[in-house]
Amino acid sequence: MNLLHEMSVAYGHMLKTDIMAKAKEREQSNTEEVEGKESNPQQTEKTSELEGTHKLSEEEKEKLSGREAQEKNEDKYGDLPEHIRRMLERLEEMKEELDVLKQEVVQLNAKIDHNNEAEKAMYDQKNQHFIQLQNQYFDMIKNVKEAMKEAGVTDMSVLLKAIA
């Protein structure tokens, strides 16, 4: 689960840098074209049917590029110290793990024959793992709360969002 998350983050970062590089290339080529047209007034303007006369403002370009939404998503814990951010991210991961494990335990409980010792032992083991993970989750919530108090963070809504 952790590996998938890291791969997803790395892939997202790779896409972001690729898009940024392409955007810079386009801006440079557009700037060069505009400079070329200004320096050579004899050149006739060729516009296709798809090219419009409206130029996008920087704000519109930002909005269309999706950078604003991506930055907002990446920076949902922006003003918090790094160690608290990592704790909150781990808390979210633990919550996802708990949800998956809970579903597995429920499905296993519905499927197994409680008279069969091997199946019952497997169910008990899964259930015990779920309980241990749940205890770790609650301990992590307490630790995040204490770390936030020590760091002087008074807005606990961030913690509530992470566990909700």
N, C-alpha and C. Protein backbone atom coordinates (compact mmCIF):
# COMPACT_ATOMS: atom_id res chain seq x y z
N MET A 1 0.84 -1.18 0.00
CA MET A 1 0.00 0.00 0.00
C MET A 1 0.88 1.25 0.00
N ASN A 2 1.91 1.23 0.84
CA ASN A 2 2.82 2.36 0.94
C ASN A 2 3.59 2.54 -0.36
N LEU A 3 4.02 1.43 -0.95
CA LEU A 3 4.76 1.47 -2.21
C LEU A 3 3.90 2.05 -3.32
N LEU A 4 2.63 1.65 -3.36
CA LEU A 4 1.73 2.18 -4.39
C LEU A 4 1.56 3.68 -4.24
N HIS A 5 1.45 4.13 -2.99
CA HIS A 5 1.31 5.56 -2.74
C HIS A 5 2.55 6.31 -3.21
N GLU A 6 3.73 5.78 -2.88
CA GLU A 6 4.97 6.43 -3.29
C GLU A 6 5.11 6.45 -4.80
N MET A 7 4.71 5.34 -5.46
CA MET A 7 4.79 5.29 -6.92
C MET A 7 3.83 6.31 -7.53
N SER A 8 2.65 6.43 -6.95
CA SER A 8 1.66 7.37 -7.45
C SER A 8 2.17 8.81 -7.31
N VAL A 9 2.77 9.12 -6.16
CA VAL A 9 3.31 10.46 -5.94
C VAL A 9 4.44 10.74 -6.92
N ALA A 10 5.32 9.75 -7.11
CA ALA A 10 6.45 9.93 -8.02
C ALA A 10 5.96 10.13 -9.45
N TYR A 11 4.97 9.35 -9.87
CA TYR A 11 4.42 9.47 -11.22
C TYR A 11 3.76 10.84 -11.39
N GLY A 12 3.03 11.29 -10.38
CA GLY A 12 2.41 12.61 -10.44
C GLY A 12 3.44 13.72 -10.56
N HIS A 13 4.54 13.58 -9.80
CA HIS A 13 5.61 14.57 -9.88
C HIS A 13 6.24 14.57 -11.27
N MET A 14 6.44 13.37 -11.83
CA MET A 14 7.03 13.26 -13.16
C MET A 14 6.13 13.93 -14.20
N LEU A 15 4.82 13.68 -14.11
CA LEU A 15 3.88 14.31 -15.04
C LEU A 15 3.90 15.82 -14.90
N LYS A 16 3.95 16.28 -13.66
CA LYS A 16 3.95 17.72 -13.40
C LYS A 16 5.17 18.37 -14.04
N THR A 17 6.35 17.79 -13.83
CA THR A 17 7.57 18.38 -14.40
C THR A 17 7.54 18.32 -15.92
N ASP A 18 6.99 17.25 -16.48
CA ASP A 18 6.89 17.13 -17.93
C ASP A 18 5.97 18.20 -18.50
N ILE A 19 4.84 18.41 -17.86
CA ILE A 19 3.88 19.42 -18.31
C ILE A 19 4.48 20.81 -18.19
N MET A 20 5.19 21.05 -17.09
CA MET A 20 5.82 22.36 -16.89
C MET A 20 6.86 22.62 -17.98
N ALA A 21 7.65 21.60 -18.33
CA ALA A 21 8.68 21.76 -19.36
C ALA A 21 8.04 22.06 -20.71
N LYS A 22 6.97 21.33 -21.04
CA LYS A 22 6.28 21.57 -22.31
C LYS A 22 5.66 22.97 -22.35
N ALA A 23 5.12 23.41 -21.22
CA ALA A 23 4.52 24.75 -21.16
C ALA A 23 5.59 25.82 -21.38
N LYS A 24 6.77 25.63 -20.78
CA LYS A 24 7.85 26.59 -20.98
C LYS A 24 8.28 26.63 -22.44
N GLU A 25 8.38 25.45 -23.07
CA GLU A 25 8.76 25.39 -24.48
C GLU A 25 7.75 26.14 -25.34
N ARG A 26 6.47 25.94 -25.07
CA ARG A 26 5.44 26.63 -25.84
C ARG A 26 5.50 28.13 -25.64
N GLU A 27 5.70 28.56 -24.39
CA GLU A 27 5.80 29.99 -24.13
C GLU A 27 6.99 30.59 -24.86
N GLN A 28 8.11 29.88 -24.84
CA GLN A 28 9.29 30.39 -25.53
C GLN A 28 9.06 30.47 -27.03
N SER A 29 8.45 29.43 -27.59
CA SER A 29 8.20 29.46 -29.04
C SER A 29 7.19 30.55 -29.39
N ASN A 30 6.18 30.75 -28.55
CA ASN A 30 5.21 31.82 -28.80
C ASN A 30 5.88 33.18 -28.70
N THR A 31 6.76 33.35 -27.73
CA THR A 31 7.48 34.61 -27.58
C THR A 31 8.37 34.86 -28.77
N GLU A 32 9.05 33.83 -29.24
CA GLU A 32 9.92 33.96 -30.40
C GLU A 32 9.11 34.31 -31.65
N GLU A 33 7.93 33.71 -31.80
CA GLU A 33 7.08 34.02 -32.95
C GLU A 33 6.62 35.47 -32.91
N VAL A 34 6.22 35.93 -31.71
CA VAL A 34 5.76 37.31 -31.57
C VAL A 34 6.90 38.26 -31.87
N GLU A 35 8.08 37.97 -31.34
CA GLU A 35 9.24 38.82 -31.60
C GLU A 35 9.59 38.81 -33.08
N GLY A 36 9.49 37.66 -33.71
CA GLY A 36 9.77 37.54 -35.14
C GLY A 36 8.78 38.35 -35.96
N LYS A 37 7.52 38.35 -35.59
CA LYS A 37 6.51 39.11 -36.31
C LYS A 37 6.72 40.60 -36.13
N GLU A 38 7.11 41.00 -34.92
CA GLU A 38 7.33 42.42 -34.66
C GLU A 38 8.55 42.93 -35.42
N SER A 39 9.58 42.11 -35.53
CA SER A 39 10.80 42.55 -36.21
C SER A 39 10.66 42.51 -37.72
N ASN A 40 9.75 41.71 -38.25
CA ASN A 40 9.58 41.59 -39.69
C ASN A 40 8.14 41.95 -40.05
N PRO A 41 7.84 43.24 -40.27
CA PRO A 41 6.46 43.65 -40.53
C PRO A 41 5.96 43.22 -41.90
N GLN A 42 6.85 42.83 -42.82
CA GLN A 42 6.43 42.44 -44.16
C GLN A 42 5.80 41.05 -44.16
N GLN A 43 6.07 40.29 -43.12
CA GLN A 43 5.56 38.93 -43.07
C GLN A 43 4.04 38.98 -42.86
N THR A 44 3.31 38.19 -43.62
CA THR A 44 1.86 38.19 -43.50
C THR A 44 1.46 37.24 -42.38
N GLU A 45 0.40 37.64 -41.69
CA GLU A 45 -0.08 36.79 -40.61
C GLU A 45 -0.92 35.67 -41.19
N LYS A 46 -0.61 34.48 -40.76
CA LYS A 46 -1.38 33.32 -41.19
C LYS A 46 -2.05 32.75 -39.95
N THR A 47 -3.38 32.77 -39.96
CA THR A 47 -4.11 32.20 -38.83
C THR A 47 -5.05 31.14 -39.36
N SER A 48 -5.13 30.10 -38.64
CA SER A 48 -6.05 29.04 -39.03
C SER A 48 -7.43 29.36 -38.46
N GLU A 49 -8.38 28.54 -38.81
CA GLU A 49 -9.73 28.74 -38.31
C GLU A 49 -9.81 28.55 -36.81
N LEU A 50 -8.93 27.68 -36.27
CA LEU A 50 -8.98 27.37 -34.86
C LEU A 50 -8.30 28.42 -33.99
N GLU A 51 -7.42 29.20 -34.58
CA GLU A 51 -6.72 30.21 -33.79
C GLU A 51 -7.65 31.40 -33.60
N GLY A 52 -7.76 31.83 -32.36
CA GLY A 52 -8.59 32.97 -32.05
C GLY A 52 -7.74 34.21 -31.85
N THR A 53 -8.41 35.30 -31.67
CA THR A 53 -7.70 36.55 -31.44
C THR A 53 -7.58 36.85 -29.96
N HIS A 54 -8.25 36.08 -29.13
CA HIS A 54 -8.22 36.32 -27.69
C HIS A 54 -6.95 35.73 -27.09
N LYS A 55 -6.23 36.55 -26.36
CA LYS A 55 -5.04 36.08 -25.65
C LYS A 55 -5.43 35.83 -24.20
N LEU A 56 -4.98 34.71 -23.67
CA LEU A 56 -5.29 34.38 -22.28
C LEU A 56 -4.39 35.16 -21.33
N SER A 57 -5.00 35.61 -20.25
CA SER A 57 -4.19 36.26 -19.22
C SER A 57 -3.44 35.19 -18.43
N GLU A 58 -2.48 35.63 -17.65
CA GLU A 58 -1.70 34.68 -16.85
C GLU A 58 -2.61 33.92 -15.88
N GLU A 59 -3.59 34.63 -15.32
CA GLU A 59 -4.52 33.99 -14.38
C GLU A 59 -5.33 32.90 -15.07
N GLU A 60 -5.79 33.19 -16.28
CA GLU A 60 -6.56 32.20 -17.04
C GLU A 60 -5.70 31.00 -17.41
N LYS A 61 -4.44 31.28 -17.79
CA LYS A 61 -3.53 30.18 -18.11
C LYS A 61 -3.31 29.28 -16.91
N GLU A 62 -3.13 29.89 -15.74
CA GLU A 62 -2.94 29.12 -14.51
C GLU A 62 -4.16 28.24 -14.22
N LYS A 63 -5.33 28.84 -14.40
CA LYS A 63 -6.56 28.11 -14.12
C LYS A 63 -6.73 26.93 -15.07
N LEU A 64 -6.45 27.16 -16.34
CA LEU A 64 -6.59 26.10 -17.33
C LEU A 64 -5.54 25.01 -17.18
N SER A 65 -4.37 25.37 -16.72
CA SER A 65 -3.30 24.38 -16.58
C SER A 65 -3.57 23.42 -15.43
N GLY A 66 -4.42 23.81 -14.50
CA GLY A 66 -4.72 22.93 -13.38
C GLY A 66 -3.67 22.99 -12.28
N ARG A 67 -2.70 23.86 -12.42
CA ARG A 67 -1.66 23.97 -11.40
C ARG A 67 -2.22 24.39 -10.06
N GLU A 68 -3.19 25.30 -10.10
CA GLU A 68 -3.77 25.81 -8.86
C GLU A 68 -4.42 24.68 -8.07
N ALA A 69 -5.21 23.87 -8.75
CA ALA A 69 -5.87 22.75 -8.08
C ALA A 69 -4.85 21.73 -7.59
N GLN A 70 -3.82 21.49 -8.40
CA GLN A 70 -2.79 20.53 -8.01
C GLN A 70 -2.02 21.04 -6.80
N GLU A 71 -1.67 22.33 -6.79
CA GLU A 71 -0.95 22.88 -5.65
C GLU A 71 -1.81 22.85 -4.40
N LYS A 72 -3.09 23.13 -4.56
CA LYS A 72 -3.99 23.11 -3.40
C LYS A 72 -4.07 21.70 -2.84
N ASN A 73 -4.14 20.69 -3.73
CA ASN A 73 -4.20 19.31 -3.30
C ASN A 73 -2.91 18.88 -2.62
N GLU A 74 -1.77 19.27 -3.22
CA GLU A 74 -0.48 18.90 -2.65
C GLU A 74 -0.23 19.61 -1.34
N ASP A 75 -0.79 20.79 -1.19
CA ASP A 75 -0.46 21.64 -0.07
C ASP A 75 -1.60 21.72 0.95
N LYS A 76 -2.33 20.63 1.15
CA LYS A 76 -3.44 20.71 2.08
C LYS A 76 -2.97 20.81 3.52
N TYR A 77 -1.71 20.46 3.78
CA TYR A 77 -1.13 20.64 5.11
C TYR A 77 -0.01 21.67 5.04
N GLY A 78 -0.14 22.64 4.14
CA GLY A 78 0.94 23.55 3.81
C GLY A 78 1.57 24.30 4.97
N ASP A 79 0.79 24.81 5.90
CA ASP A 79 1.36 25.64 6.94
C ASP A 79 1.79 24.85 8.17
N LEU A 80 1.69 23.54 8.12
CA LEU A 80 2.09 22.70 9.26
C LEU A 80 3.55 22.29 9.14
N PRO A 81 4.18 22.04 10.27
CA PRO A 81 5.56 21.53 10.23
C PRO A 81 5.63 20.18 9.51
N GLU A 82 6.79 19.90 8.94
CA GLU A 82 6.98 18.70 8.11
C GLU A 82 6.66 17.41 8.86
N HIS A 83 7.09 17.30 10.13
CA HIS A 83 6.86 16.05 10.86
C HIS A 83 5.37 15.82 11.11
N ILE A 84 4.63 16.88 11.30
CA ILE A 84 3.18 16.73 11.50
C ILE A 84 2.51 16.36 10.18
N ARG A 85 2.98 16.94 9.08
CA ARG A 85 2.44 16.56 7.76
C ARG A 85 2.60 15.07 7.52
N ARG A 86 3.82 14.58 7.79
CA ARG A 86 4.07 13.15 7.57
C ARG A 86 3.18 12.29 8.46
N MET A 87 2.99 12.74 9.70
CA MET A 87 2.13 11.98 10.62
C MET A 87 0.69 11.95 10.10
N LEU A 88 0.21 13.08 9.60
CA LEU A 88 -1.16 13.14 9.08
C LEU A 88 -1.31 12.28 7.83
N GLU A 89 -0.29 12.29 6.97
CA GLU A 89 -0.34 11.45 5.78
C GLU A 89 -0.35 9.97 6.17
N ARG A 90 0.46 9.61 7.14
CA ARG A 90 0.48 8.22 7.62
C ARG A 90 -0.86 7.86 8.25
N LEU A 91 -1.47 8.81 8.94
CA LEU A 91 -2.78 8.57 9.55
C LEU A 91 -3.82 8.27 8.47
N GLU A 92 -3.77 9.00 7.37
CA GLU A 92 -4.70 8.73 6.26
C GLU A 92 -4.44 7.35 5.65
N GLU A 93 -3.16 6.99 5.51
CA GLU A 93 -2.83 5.67 4.98
C GLU A 93 -3.33 4.57 5.91
N MET A 94 -3.15 4.77 7.21
CA MET A 94 -3.61 3.77 8.17
C MET A 94 -5.13 3.63 8.10
N LYS A 95 -5.82 4.74 7.91
CA LYS A 95 -7.28 4.70 7.80
C LYS A 95 -7.70 3.86 6.60
N GLU A 96 -7.01 4.05 5.47
CA GLU A 96 -7.32 3.26 4.27
C GLU A 96 -7.04 1.78 4.53
N GLU A 97 -5.90 1.49 5.17
CA GLU A 97 -5.57 0.10 5.49
C GLU A 97 -6.63 -0.51 6.40
N LEU A 98 -7.09 0.26 7.38
CA LEU A 98 -8.12 -0.23 8.29
C LEU A 98 -9.41 -0.54 7.54
N ASP A 99 -9.80 0.33 6.63
CA ASP A 99 -11.02 0.10 5.85
C ASP A 99 -10.93 -1.18 5.04
N VAL A 100 -9.78 -1.39 4.39
CA VAL A 100 -9.58 -2.60 3.58
C VAL A 100 -9.60 -3.84 4.47
N LEU A 101 -8.87 -3.76 5.57
CA LEU A 101 -8.79 -4.91 6.48
C LEU A 101 -10.14 -5.22 7.11
N LYS A 102 -10.90 -4.18 7.42
CA LYS A 102 -12.23 -4.39 7.99
C LYS A 102 -13.13 -5.13 7.00
N GLN A 103 -13.06 -4.73 5.73
CA GLN A 103 -13.85 -5.42 4.70
C GLN A 103 -13.44 -6.89 4.59
N GLU A 104 -12.12 -7.14 4.65
CA GLU A 104 -11.64 -8.52 4.57
C GLU A 104 -12.15 -9.35 5.74
N VAL A 105 -12.12 -8.78 6.94
CA VAL A 105 -12.58 -9.50 8.13
C VAL A 105 -14.07 -9.79 8.02
N VAL A 106 -14.84 -8.82 7.58
CA VAL A 106 -16.29 -9.01 7.44
C VAL A 106 -16.59 -10.09 6.40
N GLN A 107 -15.89 -10.05 5.26
CA GLN A 107 -16.11 -11.06 4.23
C GLN A 107 -15.69 -12.44 4.71
N LEU A 108 -14.57 -12.50 5.41
CA LEU A 108 -14.08 -13.77 5.92
C LEU A 108 -15.04 -14.34 6.95
N ASN A 109 -15.58 -13.49 7.79
CA ASN A 109 -16.53 -13.94 8.80
C ASN A 109 -17.80 -14.50 8.15
N ALA A 110 -18.22 -13.89 7.05
CA ALA A 110 -19.42 -14.36 6.36
C ALA A 110 -19.17 -15.68 5.63
N LYS A 111 -17.93 -15.90 5.18
CA LYS A 111 -17.61 -17.09 4.38
C LYS A 111 -17.26 -18.33 5.20
N ILE A 112 -16.62 -18.14 6.33
CA ILE A 112 -16.02 -19.29 7.01
C ILE A 112 -17.04 -20.14 7.74
N ASP A 113 -16.64 -21.37 7.94
CA ASP A 113 -17.40 -22.30 8.78
C ASP A 113 -16.76 -22.22 10.16
N HIS A 114 -17.51 -21.71 11.13
CA HIS A 114 -16.95 -21.51 12.47
C HIS A 114 -16.64 -22.81 13.19
N ASN A 115 -17.11 -23.92 12.66
CA ASN A 115 -16.78 -25.22 13.25
C ASN A 115 -15.42 -25.73 12.75
N ASN A 116 -14.95 -25.21 11.62
CA ASN A 116 -13.66 -25.61 11.06
C ASN A 116 -12.56 -24.83 11.79
N GLU A 117 -11.68 -25.53 12.48
CA GLU A 117 -10.65 -24.89 13.30
C GLU A 117 -9.66 -24.07 12.47
N ALA A 118 -9.27 -24.57 11.30
CA ALA A 118 -8.30 -23.86 10.46
C ALA A 118 -8.87 -22.53 9.97
N GLU A 119 -10.11 -22.56 9.50
CA GLU A 119 -10.74 -21.33 9.03
C GLU A 119 -10.95 -20.35 10.18
N LYS A 120 -11.34 -20.89 11.33
CA LYS A 120 -11.56 -20.04 12.49
C LYS A 120 -10.25 -19.40 12.95
N ALA A 121 -9.15 -20.16 12.89
CA ALA A 121 -7.85 -19.63 13.28
C ALA A 121 -7.42 -18.51 12.33
N MET A 122 -7.69 -18.70 11.03
CA MET A 122 -7.35 -17.67 10.05
C MET A 122 -8.17 -16.40 10.30
N TYR A 123 -9.46 -16.58 10.60
CA TYR A 123 -10.31 -15.44 10.91
C TYR A 123 -9.82 -14.72 12.16
N ASP A 124 -9.48 -15.49 13.20
CA ASP A 124 -9.00 -14.90 14.44
C ASP A 124 -7.71 -14.11 14.22
N GLN A 125 -6.84 -14.65 13.37
CA GLN A 125 -5.57 -13.97 13.08
C GLN A 125 -5.82 -12.65 12.36
N LYS A 126 -6.70 -12.67 11.35
CA LYS A 126 -7.04 -11.43 10.62
C LYS A 126 -7.69 -10.42 11.55
N ASN A 127 -8.58 -10.90 12.38
CA ASN A 127 -9.28 -10.03 13.31
C ASN A 127 -8.30 -9.41 14.31
N GLN A 128 -7.36 -10.21 14.79
CA GLN A 128 -6.35 -9.72 15.73
C GLN A 128 -5.48 -8.64 15.07
N HIS A 129 -5.12 -8.88 13.81
CA HIS A 129 -4.33 -7.88 13.07
C HIS A 129 -5.12 -6.58 12.93
N PHE A 130 -6.41 -6.70 12.66
CA PHE A 130 -7.28 -5.52 12.55
C PHE A 130 -7.30 -4.75 13.86
N ILE A 131 -7.44 -5.46 14.96
CA ILE A 131 -7.49 -4.82 16.28
C ILE A 131 -6.17 -4.11 16.59
N GLN A 132 -5.05 -4.76 16.28
CA GLN A 132 -3.74 -4.15 16.51
C GLN A 132 -3.56 -2.88 15.68
N LEU A 133 -3.96 -2.95 14.42
CA LEU A 133 -3.85 -1.78 13.55
C LEU A 133 -4.76 -0.65 14.04
N GLN A 134 -5.91 -1.02 14.53
CA GLN A 134 -6.84 -0.03 15.06
C GLN A 134 -6.25 0.65 16.30
N ASN A 135 -5.61 -0.12 17.17
CA ASN A 135 -4.96 0.46 18.34
C ASN A 135 -3.82 1.40 17.93
N GLN A 136 -3.05 0.99 16.93
CA GLN A 136 -1.98 1.86 16.43
C GLN A 136 -2.56 3.16 15.86
N TYR A 137 -3.68 3.03 15.18
CA TYR A 137 -4.35 4.20 14.60
C TYR A 137 -4.76 5.19 15.68
N PHE A 138 -5.37 4.68 16.76
CA PHE A 138 -5.78 5.56 17.85
C PHE A 138 -4.58 6.17 18.57
N ASP A 139 -3.51 5.40 18.73
CA ASP A 139 -2.28 5.94 19.32
C ASP A 139 -1.70 7.04 18.43
N MET A 140 -1.75 6.83 17.13
CA MET A 140 -1.23 7.82 16.19
C MET A 140 -2.04 9.11 16.28
N ILE A 141 -3.34 9.00 16.44
CA ILE A 141 -4.18 10.20 16.59
C ILE A 141 -3.75 10.98 17.82
N LYS A 142 -3.53 10.28 18.93
CA LYS A 142 -3.07 10.95 20.16
C LYS A 142 -1.71 11.61 19.94
N ASN A 143 -0.80 10.91 19.25
CA ASN A 143 0.53 11.46 19.01
C ASN A 143 0.47 12.70 18.12
N VAL A 144 -0.38 12.67 17.11
CA VAL A 144 -0.52 13.84 16.23
C VAL A 144 -1.08 15.01 17.03
N LYS A 145 -2.06 14.73 17.86
CA LYS A 145 -2.66 15.79 18.67
C LYS A 145 -1.62 16.43 19.59
N GLU A 146 -0.80 15.60 20.24
CA GLU A 146 0.26 16.11 21.11
C GLU A 146 1.31 16.89 20.32
N ALA A 147 1.69 16.38 19.16
CA ALA A 147 2.69 17.07 18.34
C ALA A 147 2.17 18.42 17.88
N MET A 148 0.89 18.48 17.55
CA MET A 148 0.30 19.75 17.12
C MET A 148 0.29 20.75 18.27
N LYS A 149 -0.02 20.27 19.49
CA LYS A 149 0.00 21.16 20.66
C LYS A 149 1.41 21.68 20.91
N GLU A 150 2.40 20.78 20.82
CA GLU A 150 3.80 21.18 21.05
C GLU A 150 4.27 22.18 20.00
N ALA A 151 3.78 22.04 18.79
CA ALA A 151 4.19 22.95 17.71
C ALA A 151 3.40 24.26 17.74
N GLY A 152 2.43 24.35 18.64
CA GLY A 152 1.65 25.57 18.76
C GLY A 152 0.51 25.68 17.77
N VAL A 153 0.13 24.56 17.17
CA VAL A 153 -0.99 24.56 16.22
C VAL A 153 -2.27 24.43 17.02
N THR A 154 -3.14 25.42 16.88
CA THR A 154 -4.39 25.41 17.65
C THR A 154 -5.58 24.93 16.82
N ASP A 155 -5.44 24.94 15.51
CA ASP A 155 -6.53 24.53 14.63
C ASP A 155 -6.50 23.01 14.45
N MET A 156 -7.36 22.32 15.17
CA MET A 156 -7.40 20.86 15.12
C MET A 156 -8.28 20.34 13.98
N SER A 157 -8.82 21.25 13.17
CA SER A 157 -9.68 20.81 12.07
C SER A 157 -8.90 19.98 11.06
N VAL A 158 -7.60 20.23 10.95
CA VAL A 158 -6.76 19.45 10.03
C VAL A 158 -6.74 17.99 10.47
N LEU A 159 -6.63 17.78 11.77
CA LEU A 159 -6.64 16.42 12.31
C LEU A 159 -8.00 15.77 12.07
N LEU A 160 -9.06 16.52 12.28
CA LEU A 160 -10.40 15.98 12.06
C LEU A 160 -10.62 15.60 10.60
N LYS A 161 -10.09 16.40 9.68
CA LYS A 161 -10.22 16.08 8.26
C LYS A 161 -9.46 14.81 7.92
N ALA A 162 -8.32 14.61 8.55
CA ALA A 162 -7.50 13.43 8.27
C ALA A 162 -8.18 12.16 8.76
N ILE A 163 -8.91 12.25 9.87
CA ILE A 163 -9.53 11.03 10.41
C ILE A 163 -10.97 10.86 9.95
N ALA A 164 -11.55 11.89 9.37
CA ALA A 164 -12.95 11.80 8.92
C ALA A 164 -13.07 11.05 7.62
